[in-house]
């Protein structure tokens, strides 16, 4: 699988990978293993990636890693779209969310984005995509994911910060887009 390291803030690592012959689950594990091996200074073979058991229907499982049967104290977040996957890691406890979209969405996706965007000019596809990926990354960082309506997410005018009004956490938003993929990282910051 081809993969590239993405330019992220200190303490956060992210990789984008693509291979239509691999399953989404395999891509997630490979990328997470690459990131953790690099961060921990071990070979990729030393890193074991597991999937958390679902707690309930609709629960989005997370990956966790072990080295020598010891759990690695890192958060792992992933997002996939078609044959591409992005994985991100950060220190345990850091609220982190990531979203991945094709730069050329289909009509049903555009209709869903318009339904929730509340943008003045919904026909500007670049603006709509930038807004939507930021909103979805904040939803993922918040932890409620699909259980929270995208309409609840607030972005500042520059779209560099996002939050949900019923929580005290604010997120920095970083565009990691590359190779025709729109990628947004949301990570916890000070109020």
C-alpha atoms as a PDB file:
ATOM      1  CA  UNK A   1       0.000   0.000   0.000  1.00  0.00           C
ATOM      2  CA  UNK A   2       1.240   3.466  -0.841  1.00  0.00           C
ATOM      3  CA  UNK A   3       1.193   5.882   2.085  1.00  0.00           C
ATOM      4  CA  UNK A   4       2.434   9.370   2.852  1.00  0.00           C
ATOM      5  CA  UNK A   5       3.142  11.153   6.097  1.00  0.00           C
ATOM      6  CA  UNK A   6       0.979  14.256   6.530  1.00  0.00           C
ATOM      7  CA  UNK A   7       2.210  17.557   7.971  1.00  0.00           C
ATOM      8  CA  UNK A   8       0.712  17.771  11.474  1.00  0.00           C
ATOM      9  CA  UNK A   9       1.330  19.758  14.662  1.00  0.00           C
ATOM     10  CA  UNK A  10       3.835  18.523  17.222  1.00  0.00           C
ATOM     11  CA  UNK A  11       2.546  15.539  19.198  1.00  0.00           C
ATOM     12  CA  UNK A  12       0.166  14.385  16.454  1.00  0.00           C
ATOM     13  CA  UNK A  13       1.043  12.038  13.613  1.00  0.00           C
ATOM     14  CA  UNK A  14      -1.043  11.238  10.527  1.00  0.00           C
ATOM     15  CA  UNK A  15      -0.662   9.161   7.370  1.00  0.00           C
ATOM     16  CA  UNK A  16      -2.758   8.852   4.236  1.00  0.00           C
ATOM     17  CA  UNK A  17      -2.755   5.540   2.409  1.00  0.00           C
ATOM     18  CA  UNK A  18      -4.553   4.081  -0.562  1.00  0.00           C
ATOM     19  CA  UNK A  19      -4.859   0.671  -2.148  1.00  0.00           C
ATOM     20  CA  UNK A  20      -8.080  -0.603  -3.746  1.00  0.00           C
ATOM     21  CA  UNK A  21      -6.956  -4.205  -3.239  1.00  0.00           C
ATOM     22  CA  UNK A  22      -6.842  -3.906   0.571  1.00  0.00           C
ATOM     23  CA  UNK A  23      -9.873  -3.781   2.826  1.00  0.00           C
ATOM     24  CA  UNK A  24     -10.576  -0.667   4.867  1.00  0.00           C
ATOM     25  CA  UNK A  25      -9.743  -2.593   8.057  1.00  0.00           C
ATOM     26  CA  UNK A  26      -6.365  -3.678   6.700  1.00  0.00           C
ATOM     27  CA  UNK A  27      -5.509  -0.127   5.589  1.00  0.00           C
ATOM     28  CA  UNK A  28      -6.396   1.255   9.049  1.00  0.00           C
ATOM     29  CA  UNK A  29      -4.166  -1.279  10.789  1.00  0.00           C
ATOM     30  CA  UNK A  30      -1.228  -0.819   8.415  1.00  0.00           C
ATOM     31  CA  UNK A  31      -1.277   2.985   8.759  1.00  0.00           C
ATOM     32  CA  UNK A  32      -1.676   2.863  12.545  1.00  0.00           C
ATOM     33  CA  UNK A  33       1.184   0.361  12.790  1.00  0.00           C
ATOM     34  CA  UNK A  34       3.441   2.620  10.671  1.00  0.00           C
ATOM     35  CA  UNK A  35       2.662   5.696  12.802  1.00  0.00           C
ATOM     36  CA  UNK A  36       3.117   3.937  16.138  1.00  0.00           C
ATOM     37  CA  UNK A  37       6.310   2.130  15.124  1.00  0.00           C
ATOM     38  CA  UNK A  38       7.809   5.451  14.061  1.00  0.00           C
ATOM     39  CA  UNK A  39       6.684   7.246  17.246  1.00  0.00           C
ATOM     40  CA  UNK A  40       7.838   4.470  19.592  1.00  0.00           C
ATOM     41  CA  UNK A  41      11.090   3.696  17.748  1.00  0.00           C
ATOM     42  CA  UNK A  42      10.312   0.022  17.136  1.00  0.00           C
ATOM     43  CA  UNK A  43       9.841  -2.128  14.044  1.00  0.00           C
ATOM     44  CA  UNK A  44       6.359  -2.352  12.558  1.00  0.00           C
ATOM     45  CA  UNK A  45       6.347  -6.084  13.331  1.00  0.00           C
ATOM     46  CA  UNK A  46       6.579  -5.283  17.058  1.00  0.00           C
ATOM     47  CA  UNK A  47       3.290  -3.336  17.001  1.00  0.00           C
ATOM     48  CA  UNK A  48       0.045  -5.258  17.378  1.00  0.00           C
ATOM     49  CA  UNK A  49      -3.146  -3.410  16.409  1.00  0.00           C
ATOM     50  CA  UNK A  50      -6.446  -4.531  17.928  1.00  0.00           C
ATOM     51  CA  UNK A  51     -10.009  -3.338  17.536  1.00  0.00           C
ATOM     52  CA  UNK A  52     -12.139  -2.403  20.511  1.00  0.00           C
ATOM     53  CA  UNK A  53     -15.275  -4.522  20.870  1.00  0.00           C
ATOM     54  CA  UNK A  54     -18.506  -2.662  20.032  1.00  0.00           C
ATOM     55  CA  UNK A  55     -20.322  -1.504  23.172  1.00  0.00           C
ATOM     56  CA  UNK A  56     -23.713  -1.239  21.445  1.00  0.00           C
ATOM     57  CA  UNK A  57     -25.353  -1.051  18.050  1.00  0.00           C
ATOM     58  CA  UNK A  58     -24.061   1.945  16.105  1.00  0.00           C
ATOM     59  CA  UNK A  59     -20.966   2.233  18.326  1.00  0.00           C
ATOM     60  CA  UNK A  60     -17.884   3.222  16.347  1.00  0.00           C
ATOM     61  CA  UNK A  61     -15.031   1.048  17.508  1.00  0.00           C
ATOM     62  CA  UNK A  62     -11.547   2.448  17.991  1.00  0.00           C
ATOM     63  CA  UNK A  63      -8.200   0.826  17.391  1.00  0.00           C
ATOM     64  CA  UNK A  64      -5.641   0.334  20.135  1.00  0.00           C
ATOM     65  CA  UNK A  65      -2.066  -0.861  19.960  1.00  0.00           C
ATOM     66  CA  UNK A  66       0.213  -3.119  21.980  1.00  0.00           C
ATOM     67  CA  UNK A  67       3.963  -3.573  22.026  1.00  0.00           C
ATOM     68  CA  UNK A  68       5.225  -6.634  23.920  1.00  0.00           C
ATOM     69  CA  UNK A  69       1.710  -7.185  25.343  1.00  0.00           C
ATOM     70  CA  UNK A  70       1.692  -3.658  26.854  1.00  0.00           C
ATOM     71  CA  UNK A  71      -0.953  -1.217  25.651  1.00  0.00           C
ATOM     72  CA  UNK A  72       0.548   1.817  23.896  1.00  0.00           C
ATOM     73  CA  UNK A  73      -0.722   5.068  25.494  1.00  0.00           C
ATOM     74  CA  UNK A  74      -1.809   6.689  22.233  1.00  0.00           C
ATOM     75  CA  UNK A  75      -5.183   7.632  20.785  1.00  0.00           C
ATOM     76  CA  UNK A  76      -5.751   6.262  17.284  1.00  0.00           C
ATOM     77  CA  UNK A  77      -8.347   7.758  14.949  1.00  0.00           C
ATOM     78  CA  UNK A  78      -9.074   6.727  11.383  1.00  0.00           C
ATOM     79  CA  UNK A  79     -11.311   7.719   8.497  1.00  0.00           C
ATOM     80  CA  UNK A  80     -11.836   5.995   5.172  1.00  0.00           C
ATOM     81  CA  UNK A  81     -13.411   6.839   1.858  1.00  0.00           C
ATOM     82  CA  UNK A  82     -13.422   4.391  -1.038  1.00  0.00           C
ATOM     83  CA  UNK A  83      -9.851   3.042  -1.445  1.00  0.00           C
ATOM     84  CA  UNK A  84      -8.222   5.674   0.801  1.00  0.00           C
ATOM     85  CA  UNK A  85      -7.717   5.750   4.552  1.00  0.00           C
ATOM     86  CA  UNK A  86      -6.168   8.285   6.880  1.00  0.00           C
ATOM     87  CA  UNK A  87      -4.958   7.432  10.386  1.00  0.00           C
ATOM     88  CA  UNK A  88      -3.934   9.848  13.132  1.00  0.00           C
ATOM     89  CA  UNK A  89      -2.345   9.323  16.538  1.00  0.00           C
ATOM     90  CA  UNK A  90      -1.875  11.544  19.591  1.00  0.00           C
ATOM     91  CA  UNK A  91      -1.121  11.187  23.282  1.00  0.00           C
ATOM     92  CA  UNK A  92      -3.832   9.443  25.313  1.00  0.00           C
ATOM     93  CA  UNK A  93      -6.558  11.870  26.377  1.00  0.00           C
ATOM     94  CA  UNK A  94      -6.114  14.316  23.492  1.00  0.00           C
ATOM     95  CA  UNK A  95      -9.449  14.803  21.775  1.00  0.00           C
ATOM     96  CA  UNK A  96      -8.810  14.122  18.112  1.00  0.00           C
ATOM     97  CA  UNK A  97     -11.032  13.770  15.055  1.00  0.00           C
ATOM     98  CA  UNK A  98     -10.292  13.314  11.384  1.00  0.00           C
ATOM     99  CA  UNK A  99     -12.408  13.401   8.236  1.00  0.00           C
ATOM    100  CA  UNK A 100     -11.596  12.231   4.713  1.00  0.00           C
ATOM    101  CA  UNK A 101     -13.575  13.057   1.553  1.00  0.00           C
ATOM    102  CA  UNK A 102     -13.146  12.843  -2.181  1.00  0.00           C
ATOM    103  CA  UNK A 103     -12.602  16.258  -3.797  1.00  0.00           C
ATOM    104  CA  UNK A 104     -15.352  15.346  -6.282  1.00  0.00           C
ATOM    105  CA  UNK A 105     -18.393  14.214  -4.242  1.00  0.00           C
ATOM    106  CA  UNK A 106     -21.439  12.621  -5.833  1.00  0.00           C
ATOM    107  CA  UNK A 107     -24.870  14.286  -5.905  1.00  0.00           C
ATOM    108  CA  UNK A 108     -26.321  12.534  -2.798  1.00  0.00           C
ATOM    109  CA  UNK A 109     -23.281  13.621  -0.760  1.00  0.00           C
ATOM    110  CA  UNK A 110     -23.588  17.200  -2.014  1.00  0.00           C
ATOM    111  CA  UNK A 111     -27.293  17.199  -1.111  1.00  0.00           C
ATOM    112  CA  UNK A 112     -26.495  15.987   2.435  1.00  0.00           C
ATOM    113  CA  UNK A 113     -23.799  18.663   2.860  1.00  0.00           C
ATOM    114  CA  UNK A 114     -26.175  21.399   1.680  1.00  0.00           C
ATOM    115  CA  UNK A 115     -28.931  20.190   4.010  1.00  0.00           C
ATOM    116  CA  UNK A 116     -26.689  20.714   7.066  1.00  0.00           C
ATOM    117  CA  UNK A 117     -24.295  23.459   6.016  1.00  0.00           C
ATOM    118  CA  UNK A 118     -26.264  26.711   6.499  1.00  0.00           C
ATOM    119  CA  UNK A 119     -23.762  28.451   4.236  1.00  0.00           C
ATOM    120  CA  UNK A 120     -24.732  31.593   2.378  1.00  0.00           C
ATOM    121  CA  UNK A 121     -23.383  30.283  -0.939  1.00  0.00           C
ATOM    122  CA  UNK A 122     -24.091  26.546  -0.949  1.00  0.00           C
ATOM    123  CA  UNK A 123     -23.240  26.298  -4.649  1.00  0.00           C
ATOM    124  CA  UNK A 124     -19.544  26.999  -4.053  1.00  0.00           C
ATOM    125  CA  UNK A 125     -18.343  23.372  -3.923  1.00  0.00           C
ATOM    126  CA  UNK A 126     -14.876  24.166  -2.529  1.00  0.00           C
ATOM    127  CA  UNK A 127     -16.371  26.176   0.325  1.00  0.00           C
ATOM    128  CA  UNK A 128     -19.025  23.542   0.967  1.00  0.00           C
ATOM    129  CA  UNK A 129     -16.435  20.734   1.117  1.00  0.00           C
ATOM    130  CA  UNK A 130     -14.130  22.736   3.403  1.00  0.00           C
ATOM    131  CA  UNK A 131     -17.020  23.493   5.740  1.00  0.00           C
ATOM    132  CA  UNK A 132     -18.365  19.930   5.743  1.00  0.00           C
ATOM    133  CA  UNK A 133     -15.033  18.204   6.435  1.00  0.00           C
ATOM    134  CA  UNK A 134     -14.365  20.589   9.325  1.00  0.00           C
ATOM    135  CA  UNK A 135     -17.814  19.947  10.801  1.00  0.00           C
ATOM    136  CA  UNK A 136     -17.405  16.169  10.498  1.00  0.00           C
ATOM    137  CA  UNK A 137     -13.903  16.270  12.047  1.00  0.00           C
ATOM    138  CA  UNK A 138     -15.307  18.198  15.047  1.00  0.00           C
ATOM    139  CA  UNK A 139     -18.118  15.624  15.352  1.00  0.00           C
ATOM    140  CA  UNK A 140     -15.502  12.853  15.505  1.00  0.00           C
ATOM    141  CA  UNK A 141     -13.298  14.709  18.006  1.00  0.00           C
ATOM    142  CA  UNK A 142     -16.347  15.352  20.194  1.00  0.00           C
ATOM    143  CA  UNK A 143     -16.826  11.615  20.483  1.00  0.00           C
ATOM    144  CA  UNK A 144     -20.531  11.518  19.684  1.00  0.00           C
ATOM    145  CA  UNK A 145     -19.841  11.116  15.954  1.00  0.00           C
ATOM    146  CA  UNK A 146     -22.995  10.279  14.011  1.00  0.00           C
ATOM    147  CA  UNK A 147     -25.171  10.561  17.140  1.00  0.00           C
ATOM    148  CA  UNK A 148     -24.755  14.340  16.968  1.00  0.00           C
ATOM    149  CA  UNK A 149     -26.332  16.408  14.219  1.00  0.00           C
ATOM    150  CA  UNK A 150     -23.764  18.291  12.130  1.00  0.00           C
ATOM    151  CA  UNK A 151     -25.966  21.384  12.547  1.00  0.00           C
ATOM    152  CA  UNK A 152     -24.802  21.658  16.189  1.00  0.00           C
ATOM    153  CA  UNK A 153     -21.156  22.266  15.270  1.00  0.00           C
ATOM    154  CA  UNK A 154     -19.986  25.878  15.210  1.00  0.00           C
ATOM    155  CA  UNK A 155     -16.983  27.199  13.269  1.00  0.00           C
ATOM    156  CA  UNK A 156     -15.313  30.576  13.613  1.00  0.00           C
ATOM    157  CA  UNK A 157     -15.279  32.847  10.557  1.00  0.00           C
ATOM    158  CA  UNK A 158     -11.803  31.715   9.496  1.00  0.00           C
ATOM    159  CA  UNK A 159     -12.828  28.046   9.884  1.00  0.00           C
ATOM    160  CA  UNK A 160      -9.690  27.411  11.926  1.00  0.00           C
ATOM    161  CA  UNK A 161     -11.565  26.662  15.178  1.00  0.00           C
ATOM    162  CA  UNK A 162     -14.640  24.575  15.887  1.00  0.00           C
ATOM    163  CA  UNK A 163     -16.772  23.631  18.880  1.00  0.00           C
ATOM    164  CA  UNK A 164     -20.104  22.239  20.009  1.00  0.00           C
ATOM    165  CA  UNK A 165     -22.013  24.733  22.211  1.00  0.00           C
ATOM    166  CA  UNK A 166     -22.936  22.204  24.936  1.00  0.00           C
ATOM    167  CA  UNK A 167     -19.281  21.276  25.592  1.00  0.00           C
ATOM    168  CA  UNK A 168     -16.443  23.486  26.876  1.00  0.00           C
ATOM    169  CA  UNK A 169     -13.851  22.079  24.442  1.00  0.00           C
ATOM    170  CA  UNK A 170     -12.654  24.020  21.402  1.00  0.00           C
ATOM    171  CA  UNK A 171     -10.780  22.389  18.538  1.00  0.00           C
ATOM    172  CA  UNK A 172      -8.133  23.672  16.180  1.00  0.00           C
ATOM    173  CA  UNK A 173      -8.900  22.702  12.596  1.00  0.00           C
ATOM    174  CA  UNK A 174      -6.129  21.882  10.170  1.00  0.00           C
ATOM    175  CA  UNK A 175      -6.437  21.173   6.459  1.00  0.00           C
ATOM    176  CA  UNK A 176      -4.261  18.168   5.539  1.00  0.00           C
ATOM    177  CA  UNK A 177      -5.669  17.749   2.016  1.00  0.00           C
ATOM    178  CA  UNK A 178      -3.520  15.925  -0.478  1.00  0.00           C
ATOM    179  CA  UNK A 179      -3.663  14.078  -3.800  1.00  0.00           C
ATOM    180  CA  UNK A 180      -7.338  14.837  -4.522  1.00  0.00           C
ATOM    181  CA  UNK A 181      -8.461  13.977  -0.993  1.00  0.00           C
ATOM    182  CA  UNK A 182      -9.964  16.560   1.359  1.00  0.00           C
ATOM    183  CA  UNK A 183      -8.641  15.780   4.851  1.00  0.00           C
ATOM    184  CA  UNK A 184      -9.378  17.770   7.994  1.00  0.00           C
ATOM    185  CA  UNK A 185      -7.879  17.218  11.431  1.00  0.00           C
ATOM    186  CA  UNK A 186      -9.654  18.535  14.551  1.00  0.00           C
ATOM    187  CA  UNK A 187      -7.657  18.516  17.769  1.00  0.00           C
ATOM    188  CA  UNK A 188      -8.211  19.841  21.242  1.00  0.00           C
ATOM    189  CA  UNK A 189      -6.812  23.245  22.130  1.00  0.00           C
ATOM    190  CA  UNK A 190      -7.226  25.849  24.863  1.00  0.00           C
ATOM    191  CA  UNK A 191     -10.479  27.848  24.986  1.00  0.00           C
END
